[in-house]
């Protein structure tokens, strides 16, 4: 990395600690633009910022950077109290097809915000067959089954033939609701 870029990178890292919300948010945005994986730990820390706009900018930057560490941080952002932060995180995990996010995305299906439910549905459908078994296991819980049942069917229909083999594996399950 050229010296000027290294100085620029370090400047943005320092700016993430600024008392000014706009400076912190802009720093996160610029770190995403640089797409330097070294920025992921600082951006993950920014997910704890008190300001929603800073957290949303950090998630957007993590989406641009990508990779395993960024995926871990995006999974952590799924528990944020802000609908917009969670939506950005769900969309990032969807784009990454993050198989490690399946259980947490299933939990997002239980939220009341329609935009989050729709985004999690799309993300799980895009992740594909790796999501089928955890989705069917969720049917063991009666309360959860009632809350997410319709979404599970939408996900399976959207997956189409890709869901067939994993569905065949759960036919012998002792729970009739998991069997379909």
C-alpha atoms as a PDB file:
ATOM      1  CA  UNK A   1       0.000   0.000   0.000  1.00  0.00           C
ATOM      2  CA  UNK A   2       1.446   3.392  -0.951  1.00  0.00           C
ATOM      3  CA  UNK A   3       2.371   5.711   1.921  1.00  0.00           C
ATOM      4  CA  UNK A   4      -0.383   8.215   1.133  1.00  0.00           C
ATOM      5  CA  UNK A   5      -3.022   5.474   1.195  1.00  0.00           C
ATOM      6  CA  UNK A   6      -1.574   4.139   4.450  1.00  0.00           C
ATOM      7  CA  UNK A   7      -1.807   7.602   6.010  1.00  0.00           C
ATOM      8  CA  UNK A   8      -5.335   8.002   4.617  1.00  0.00           C
ATOM      9  CA  UNK A   9      -6.344   4.617   6.058  1.00  0.00           C
ATOM     10  CA  UNK A  10      -4.948   5.430   9.515  1.00  0.00           C
ATOM     11  CA  UNK A  11      -6.668   8.809   9.439  1.00  0.00           C
ATOM     12  CA  UNK A  12     -10.036   7.174   8.862  1.00  0.00           C
ATOM     13  CA  UNK A  13      -9.372   4.704  11.679  1.00  0.00           C
ATOM     14  CA  UNK A  14      -8.684   7.641  14.027  1.00  0.00           C
ATOM     15  CA  UNK A  15     -11.771   9.486  12.798  1.00  0.00           C
ATOM     16  CA  UNK A  16     -13.979   6.571  13.871  1.00  0.00           C
ATOM     17  CA  UNK A  17     -13.279   7.785  17.447  1.00  0.00           C
ATOM     18  CA  UNK A  18     -14.210  11.417  16.754  1.00  0.00           C
ATOM     19  CA  UNK A  19     -16.789  13.068  19.015  1.00  0.00           C
ATOM     20  CA  UNK A  20     -18.523  14.270  15.819  1.00  0.00           C
ATOM     21  CA  UNK A  21     -21.129  11.812  14.494  1.00  0.00           C
ATOM     22  CA  UNK A  22     -20.741  12.993  10.901  1.00  0.00           C
ATOM     23  CA  UNK A  23     -16.966  12.524  11.016  1.00  0.00           C
ATOM     24  CA  UNK A  24     -17.381   8.980  12.399  1.00  0.00           C
ATOM     25  CA  UNK A  25     -19.972   8.069   9.795  1.00  0.00           C
ATOM     26  CA  UNK A  26     -17.906   9.525   6.936  1.00  0.00           C
ATOM     27  CA  UNK A  27     -14.825   7.648   8.189  1.00  0.00           C
ATOM     28  CA  UNK A  28     -16.722   4.360   8.071  1.00  0.00           C
ATOM     29  CA  UNK A  29     -17.917   5.173   4.565  1.00  0.00           C
ATOM     30  CA  UNK A  30     -14.375   5.928   3.392  1.00  0.00           C
ATOM     31  CA  UNK A  31     -13.003   2.730   4.942  1.00  0.00           C
ATOM     32  CA  UNK A  32     -15.588   0.804   2.945  1.00  0.00           C
ATOM     33  CA  UNK A  33     -14.543   2.639  -0.201  1.00  0.00           C
ATOM     34  CA  UNK A  34     -10.914   1.610   0.413  1.00  0.00           C
ATOM     35  CA  UNK A  35     -12.013  -2.045   0.789  1.00  0.00           C
ATOM     36  CA  UNK A  36      -9.057  -2.766   3.043  1.00  0.00           C
ATOM     37  CA  UNK A  37      -9.665  -5.770   5.314  1.00  0.00           C
ATOM     38  CA  UNK A  38      -7.469  -4.190   7.989  1.00  0.00           C
ATOM     39  CA  UNK A  39     -10.377  -1.825   8.664  1.00  0.00           C
ATOM     40  CA  UNK A  40     -12.766  -4.611   9.686  1.00  0.00           C
ATOM     41  CA  UNK A  41     -11.887  -4.685  13.423  1.00  0.00           C
ATOM     42  CA  UNK A  42     -12.395  -0.915  13.744  1.00  0.00           C
ATOM     43  CA  UNK A  43     -15.644  -1.096  11.773  1.00  0.00           C
ATOM     44  CA  UNK A  44     -16.822  -4.012  13.937  1.00  0.00           C
ATOM     45  CA  UNK A  45     -16.152  -1.837  16.973  1.00  0.00           C
ATOM     46  CA  UNK A  46     -18.123   0.990  15.338  1.00  0.00           C
ATOM     47  CA  UNK A  47     -21.159  -1.313  15.372  1.00  0.00           C
ATOM     48  CA  UNK A  48     -21.351  -0.468  19.097  1.00  0.00           C
ATOM     49  CA  UNK A  49     -21.571   3.278  18.402  1.00  0.00           C
ATOM     50  CA  UNK A  50     -24.455   5.072  20.106  1.00  0.00           C
ATOM     51  CA  UNK A  51     -25.491   6.671  16.813  1.00  0.00           C
ATOM     52  CA  UNK A  52     -27.609   4.623  14.391  1.00  0.00           C
ATOM     53  CA  UNK A  53     -26.211   6.447  11.355  1.00  0.00           C
ATOM     54  CA  UNK A  54     -22.633   5.526  12.311  1.00  0.00           C
ATOM     55  CA  UNK A  55     -23.629   1.875  12.833  1.00  0.00           C
ATOM     56  CA  UNK A  56     -25.419   1.834   9.470  1.00  0.00           C
ATOM     57  CA  UNK A  57     -22.351   3.314   7.757  1.00  0.00           C
ATOM     58  CA  UNK A  58     -20.141   0.703   9.439  1.00  0.00           C
ATOM     59  CA  UNK A  59     -22.393  -2.101   8.176  1.00  0.00           C
ATOM     60  CA  UNK A  60     -22.369  -0.658   4.657  1.00  0.00           C
ATOM     61  CA  UNK A  61     -18.557  -0.497   4.780  1.00  0.00           C
ATOM     62  CA  UNK A  62     -18.325  -4.095   6.001  1.00  0.00           C
ATOM     63  CA  UNK A  63     -20.561  -5.153   3.092  1.00  0.00           C
ATOM     64  CA  UNK A  64     -18.174  -3.504   0.630  1.00  0.00           C
ATOM     65  CA  UNK A  65     -15.096  -5.062   2.210  1.00  0.00           C
ATOM     66  CA  UNK A  66     -16.525  -8.578   2.468  1.00  0.00           C
ATOM     67  CA  UNK A  67     -14.650 -11.648   3.665  1.00  0.00           C
ATOM     68  CA  UNK A  68     -14.887 -13.856   6.726  1.00  0.00           C
ATOM     69  CA  UNK A  69     -14.168 -11.242   9.386  1.00  0.00           C
ATOM     70  CA  UNK A  70     -16.661  -8.844   7.843  1.00  0.00           C
ATOM     71  CA  UNK A  71     -19.256 -11.644   7.790  1.00  0.00           C
ATOM     72  CA  UNK A  72     -18.710 -12.241  11.493  1.00  0.00           C
ATOM     73  CA  UNK A  73     -19.276  -8.544  12.193  1.00  0.00           C
ATOM     74  CA  UNK A  74     -22.376  -8.463   9.986  1.00  0.00           C
ATOM     75  CA  UNK A  75     -23.820 -11.435  11.884  1.00  0.00           C
ATOM     76  CA  UNK A  76     -23.300  -9.497  15.123  1.00  0.00           C
ATOM     77  CA  UNK A  77     -25.173  -6.536  13.616  1.00  0.00           C
ATOM     78  CA  UNK A  78     -28.300  -8.697  13.190  1.00  0.00           C
ATOM     79  CA  UNK A  79     -29.091  -8.073  16.862  1.00  0.00           C
ATOM     80  CA  UNK A  80     -28.987  -4.275  16.527  1.00  0.00           C
ATOM     81  CA  UNK A  81     -32.060  -2.394  17.726  1.00  0.00           C
ATOM     82  CA  UNK A  82     -32.238  -0.354  14.502  1.00  0.00           C
ATOM     83  CA  UNK A  83     -34.278  -1.741  11.626  1.00  0.00           C
ATOM     84  CA  UNK A  84     -32.027  -0.005   9.091  1.00  0.00           C
ATOM     85  CA  UNK A  85     -28.808  -1.413  10.565  1.00  0.00           C
ATOM     86  CA  UNK A  86     -30.246  -4.938  10.620  1.00  0.00           C
ATOM     87  CA  UNK A  87     -31.585  -4.554   7.079  1.00  0.00           C
ATOM     88  CA  UNK A  88     -28.131  -3.578   5.798  1.00  0.00           C
ATOM     89  CA  UNK A  89     -26.596  -6.530   7.652  1.00  0.00           C
ATOM     90  CA  UNK A  90     -29.162  -9.004   6.280  1.00  0.00           C
ATOM     91  CA  UNK A  91     -28.550  -7.749   2.749  1.00  0.00           C
ATOM     92  CA  UNK A  92     -24.801  -8.058   3.202  1.00  0.00           C
ATOM     93  CA  UNK A  93     -25.111 -11.630   4.455  1.00  0.00           C
ATOM     94  CA  UNK A  94     -27.459 -12.378   1.552  1.00  0.00           C
ATOM     95  CA  UNK A  95     -24.895 -11.100  -0.927  1.00  0.00           C
ATOM     96  CA  UNK A  96     -22.179 -13.161   0.764  1.00  0.00           C
ATOM     97  CA  UNK A  97     -24.459 -16.230   0.900  1.00  0.00           C
ATOM     98  CA  UNK A  98     -23.193 -16.660   4.454  1.00  0.00           C
ATOM     99  CA  UNK A  99     -24.087 -20.183   5.589  1.00  0.00           C
ATOM    100  CA  UNK A 100     -22.980 -19.356   9.126  1.00  0.00           C
ATOM    101  CA  UNK A 101     -25.758 -16.764   9.361  1.00  0.00           C
ATOM    102  CA  UNK A 102     -28.680 -19.167   8.818  1.00  0.00           C
ATOM    103  CA  UNK A 103     -29.696 -19.561  12.478  1.00  0.00           C
ATOM    104  CA  UNK A 104     -29.544 -15.804  13.091  1.00  0.00           C
ATOM    105  CA  UNK A 105     -31.470 -15.059   9.887  1.00  0.00           C
ATOM    106  CA  UNK A 106     -34.190 -17.452  11.037  1.00  0.00           C
ATOM    107  CA  UNK A 107     -34.463 -15.332  14.208  1.00  0.00           C
ATOM    108  CA  UNK A 108     -34.818 -12.219  12.037  1.00  0.00           C
ATOM    109  CA  UNK A 109     -37.898 -13.882  10.477  1.00  0.00           C
ATOM    110  CA  UNK A 110     -39.602 -13.477  13.868  1.00  0.00           C
ATOM    111  CA  UNK A 111     -39.212  -9.690  13.956  1.00  0.00           C
ATOM    112  CA  UNK A 112     -42.286  -7.585  13.339  1.00  0.00           C
ATOM    113  CA  UNK A 113     -40.703  -5.248  10.764  1.00  0.00           C
ATOM    114  CA  UNK A 114     -41.916  -6.418   7.352  1.00  0.00           C
ATOM    115  CA  UNK A 115     -38.794  -5.155   5.556  1.00  0.00           C
ATOM    116  CA  UNK A 116     -36.602  -7.350   7.776  1.00  0.00           C
ATOM    117  CA  UNK A 117     -38.791 -10.425   7.355  1.00  0.00           C
ATOM    118  CA  UNK A 118     -38.775 -10.001   3.574  1.00  0.00           C
ATOM    119  CA  UNK A 119     -35.018  -9.432   3.454  1.00  0.00           C
ATOM    120  CA  UNK A 120     -34.304 -12.449   5.687  1.00  0.00           C
ATOM    121  CA  UNK A 121     -36.607 -14.568   3.507  1.00  0.00           C
ATOM    122  CA  UNK A 122     -34.666 -13.539   0.415  1.00  0.00           C
ATOM    123  CA  UNK A 123     -31.319 -14.098   2.147  1.00  0.00           C
ATOM    124  CA  UNK A 124     -32.229 -17.610   3.295  1.00  0.00           C
ATOM    125  CA  UNK A 125     -33.544 -18.493  -0.163  1.00  0.00           C
ATOM    126  CA  UNK A 126     -30.305 -17.270  -1.714  1.00  0.00           C
ATOM    127  CA  UNK A 127     -28.187 -19.224   0.772  1.00  0.00           C
ATOM    128  CA  UNK A 128     -30.067 -22.238  -0.510  1.00  0.00           C
ATOM    129  CA  UNK A 129     -29.944 -25.879   0.552  1.00  0.00           C
ATOM    130  CA  UNK A 130     -27.747 -25.185   3.590  1.00  0.00           C
ATOM    131  CA  UNK A 131     -30.700 -23.310   5.094  1.00  0.00           C
ATOM    132  CA  UNK A 132     -33.274 -26.091   4.651  1.00  0.00           C
ATOM    133  CA  UNK A 133     -32.427 -28.318   7.604  1.00  0.00           C
ATOM    134  CA  UNK A 134     -32.252 -25.445  10.149  1.00  0.00           C
ATOM    135  CA  UNK A 135     -35.533 -24.079   8.765  1.00  0.00           C
ATOM    136  CA  UNK A 136     -37.220 -27.435   9.185  1.00  0.00           C
ATOM    137  CA  UNK A 137     -35.737 -27.825  12.663  1.00  0.00           C
ATOM    138  CA  UNK A 138     -37.347 -24.489  13.558  1.00  0.00           C
ATOM    139  CA  UNK A 139     -40.709 -26.211  12.945  1.00  0.00           C
ATOM    140  CA  UNK A 140     -40.152 -28.265  16.101  1.00  0.00           C
ATOM    141  CA  UNK A 141     -40.957 -25.165  18.145  1.00  0.00           C
ATOM    142  CA  UNK A 142     -44.721 -24.619  17.979  1.00  0.00           C
ATOM    143  CA  UNK A 143     -44.595 -20.881  18.682  1.00  0.00           C
ATOM    144  CA  UNK A 144     -41.816 -20.369  16.151  1.00  0.00           C
ATOM    145  CA  UNK A 145     -43.656 -22.493  13.591  1.00  0.00           C
ATOM    146  CA  UNK A 146     -46.682 -20.222  13.884  1.00  0.00           C
ATOM    147  CA  UNK A 147     -44.595 -17.084  13.456  1.00  0.00           C
ATOM    148  CA  UNK A 148     -42.406 -18.140  10.537  1.00  0.00           C
ATOM    149  CA  UNK A 149     -44.325 -20.943   8.828  1.00  0.00           C
ATOM    150  CA  UNK A 150     -45.508 -18.903   5.854  1.00  0.00           C
ATOM    151  CA  UNK A 151     -42.035 -17.469   5.314  1.00  0.00           C
ATOM    152  CA  UNK A 152     -40.476 -20.941   5.369  1.00  0.00           C
ATOM    153  CA  UNK A 153     -42.791 -22.051   2.592  1.00  0.00           C
ATOM    154  CA  UNK A 154     -41.905 -18.966   0.541  1.00  0.00           C
ATOM    155  CA  UNK A 155     -38.207 -19.720   1.026  1.00  0.00           C
ATOM    156  CA  UNK A 156     -38.595 -23.356  -0.033  1.00  0.00           C
ATOM    157  CA  UNK A 157     -40.649 -22.409  -3.097  1.00  0.00           C
ATOM    158  CA  UNK A 158     -38.075 -19.788  -4.088  1.00  0.00           C
ATOM    159  CA  UNK A 159     -35.285 -22.378  -3.728  1.00  0.00           C
ATOM    160  CA  UNK A 160     -37.161 -24.720  -6.022  1.00  0.00           C
ATOM    161  CA  UNK A 161     -35.353 -27.923  -6.948  1.00  0.00           C
ATOM    162  CA  UNK A 162     -32.312 -26.936  -4.877  1.00  0.00           C
ATOM    163  CA  UNK A 163     -34.364 -27.694  -1.737  1.00  0.00           C
ATOM    164  CA  UNK A 164     -35.349 -31.219  -2.785  1.00  0.00           C
ATOM    165  CA  UNK A 165     -32.415 -33.234  -1.439  1.00  0.00           C
ATOM    166  CA  UNK A 166     -32.301 -31.505   1.970  1.00  0.00           C
ATOM    167  CA  UNK A 167     -36.080 -31.913   2.283  1.00  0.00           C
ATOM    168  CA  UNK A 168     -35.834 -35.627   1.573  1.00  0.00           C
ATOM    169  CA  UNK A 169     -33.409 -35.920   4.490  1.00  0.00           C
ATOM    170  CA  UNK A 170     -36.004 -34.660   6.995  1.00  0.00           C
ATOM    171  CA  UNK A 171     -38.839 -36.986   5.912  1.00  0.00           C
ATOM    172  CA  UNK A 172     -37.905 -39.461   8.648  1.00  0.00           C
ATOM    173  CA  UNK A 173     -37.989 -36.844  11.402  1.00  0.00           C
ATOM    174  CA  UNK A 174     -40.118 -37.830  14.420  1.00  0.00           C
ATOM    175  CA  UNK A 175     -41.946 -34.471  14.425  1.00  0.00           C
ATOM    176  CA  UNK A 176     -44.799 -34.472  11.907  1.00  0.00           C
ATOM    177  CA  UNK A 177     -44.473 -30.724  11.350  1.00  0.00           C
ATOM    178  CA  UNK A 178     -40.840 -31.082  10.380  1.00  0.00           C
ATOM    179  CA  UNK A 179     -41.797 -33.868   7.965  1.00  0.00           C
ATOM    180  CA  UNK A 180     -44.087 -31.353   6.228  1.00  0.00           C
END
